[in-house]
């Protein structure tokens, strides 16, 4: 059990370190870094490398933004098998819609509760 927590921390931390290096060394903007990490997660998912990472690291691989790319690809592939090319577009949004909705709702609630700076 302790090893699972350790590997989750190490893998999740490594993904965060990659993001931080993109900020500091490559001088990418937050939007570029976010997009790049989503694309990296998508590419790893296409080649079947992200699911073994999730099995190994658990939350260390499912919490960072790279898992959003993984979810997009999984949804697109599942619906493409059922509905063809139209399923690619609908599948991405069907699988990730709850996460996107939660982010919007909780972001709105946070904006109502807390005083913005600037």
Protein backbone atom coordinates (compact mmCIF):
# COMPACT_ATOMS: atom_id res chain seq x y z
CA UNK A 1 0.00 0.00 0.00
CA UNK A 2 2.80 2.42 0.86
CA UNK A 3 4.57 1.61 -2.41
CA UNK A 4 1.41 2.52 -4.34
CA UNK A 5 1.30 5.94 -2.65
CA UNK A 6 5.00 6.45 -3.29
CA UNK A 7 4.76 5.63 -7.01
CA UNK A 8 1.66 7.76 -7.35
CA UNK A 9 3.52 10.69 -5.80
CA UNK A 10 6.60 10.13 -7.97
CA UNK A 11 4.71 9.80 -11.28
CA UNK A 12 2.35 12.70 -10.53
CA UNK A 13 5.29 14.80 -9.39
CA UNK A 14 7.26 13.94 -12.54
CA UNK A 15 4.37 15.12 -14.72
CA UNK A 16 4.23 18.35 -12.73
CA UNK A 17 8.01 18.79 -13.02
CA UNK A 18 7.71 18.45 -16.80
CA UNK A 19 5.05 21.17 -16.80
CA UNK A 20 7.18 23.43 -14.60
CA UNK A 21 10.20 22.93 -16.85
CA UNK A 22 8.08 23.91 -19.83
CA UNK A 23 7.27 27.15 -17.98
CA UNK A 24 10.78 27.93 -16.76
CA UNK A 25 13.14 26.54 -19.37
CA UNK A 26 11.10 26.62 -22.57
CA UNK A 27 9.37 29.87 -21.51
CA UNK A 28 5.99 28.57 -22.68
CA UNK A 29 2.84 30.32 -21.56
CA UNK A 30 0.39 28.49 -19.28
CA UNK A 31 -1.97 27.97 -22.23
CA UNK A 32 0.79 26.44 -24.36
CA UNK A 33 1.93 24.21 -21.52
CA UNK A 34 -1.60 23.03 -20.77
CA UNK A 35 -2.26 22.27 -24.43
CA UNK A 36 1.04 20.45 -24.81
CA UNK A 37 0.41 18.25 -21.76
CA UNK A 38 -3.08 17.36 -23.04
CA UNK A 39 -1.60 16.43 -26.43
CA UNK A 40 1.12 14.34 -24.76
CA UNK A 41 -1.55 12.47 -22.79
CA UNK A 42 -3.50 11.91 -26.00
CA UNK A 43 -0.47 10.60 -27.87
CA UNK A 44 0.44 8.24 -25.02
CA UNK A 45 -3.14 6.99 -25.02
CA UNK A 46 -3.18 6.38 -28.78
CA UNK A 47 -0.10 4.19 -28.49
CA UNK A 48 -1.53 2.34 -25.48
CA UNK A 49 1.04 3.70 -23.02
CA UNK A 50 -1.18 5.78 -20.75
CA UNK A 51 -3.41 2.98 -19.40
CA UNK A 52 -0.46 0.97 -18.05
CA UNK A 53 0.77 4.20 -16.43
CA UNK A 54 -2.64 4.64 -14.77
CA UNK A 55 -2.59 1.02 -13.60
CA UNK A 56 0.88 1.53 -12.13
CA UNK A 57 0.58 5.03 -10.65
CA UNK A 58 -3.16 5.38 -9.99
CA UNK A 59 -4.03 8.95 -9.04
CA UNK A 60 -0.52 10.06 -9.93
CA UNK A 61 -1.52 9.58 -13.57
CA UNK A 62 -5.25 10.34 -13.41
CA UNK A 63 -5.12 13.69 -11.59
CA UNK A 64 -2.71 15.69 -13.85
CA UNK A 65 -4.00 17.33 -17.03
CA UNK A 66 -2.44 14.62 -19.19
CA UNK A 67 -5.31 12.34 -18.18
CA UNK A 68 -7.73 14.75 -19.89
CA UNK A 69 -6.07 13.94 -23.21
CA UNK A 70 -6.32 10.27 -22.34
CA UNK A 71 -10.05 10.66 -21.65
CA UNK A 72 -10.62 12.50 -24.91
CA UNK A 73 -8.98 9.73 -26.93
CA UNK A 74 -10.80 6.95 -25.08
CA UNK A 75 -14.18 8.61 -25.60
CA UNK A 76 -13.49 9.25 -29.27
CA UNK A 77 -12.35 5.68 -29.89
CA UNK A 78 -15.29 4.10 -28.04
CA UNK A 79 -17.89 6.13 -29.91
CA UNK A 80 -16.08 5.78 -33.25
CA UNK A 81 -16.53 2.01 -32.96
CA UNK A 82 -20.28 2.48 -32.42
CA UNK A 83 -21.15 5.43 -34.66
CA UNK A 84 -18.28 5.96 -37.08
CA UNK A 85 -16.81 9.38 -37.77
CA UNK A 86 -19.64 11.23 -36.01
CA UNK A 87 -18.86 9.24 -32.87
CA UNK A 88 -15.35 10.67 -32.80
CA UNK A 89 -16.72 14.16 -32.19
CA UNK A 90 -19.55 13.19 -29.84
CA UNK A 91 -17.48 10.66 -27.89
CA UNK A 92 -14.89 13.18 -26.78
CA UNK A 93 -17.51 15.41 -25.22
CA UNK A 94 -19.67 12.60 -23.84
CA UNK A 95 -16.87 11.13 -21.72
CA UNK A 96 -15.39 14.44 -20.53
CA UNK A 97 -18.57 16.50 -20.16
CA UNK A 98 -18.97 15.85 -16.43
CA UNK A 99 -15.42 17.03 -15.69
CA UNK A 100 -15.79 20.11 -17.85
CA UNK A 101 -19.16 20.93 -16.28
CA UNK A 102 -17.78 20.51 -12.76
CA UNK A 103 -14.85 22.83 -13.55
CA UNK A 104 -17.21 25.52 -14.87
CA UNK A 105 -19.68 25.21 -11.98
CA UNK A 106 -17.08 25.17 -9.21
CA UNK A 107 -15.12 27.97 -10.89
CA UNK A 108 -18.29 30.08 -10.95
CA UNK A 109 -19.05 29.30 -7.30
CA UNK A 110 -15.48 30.16 -6.35
CA UNK A 111 -15.75 33.47 -8.19
CA UNK A 112 -18.93 34.29 -6.27
CA UNK A 113 -17.44 33.43 -2.87
CA UNK A 114 -13.94 34.90 -3.09
CA UNK A 115 -12.87 38.44 -3.86
CA UNK A 116 -10.86 38.61 -7.09
CA UNK A 117 -7.44 40.24 -7.12
CA UNK A 118 -6.73 42.91 -9.69
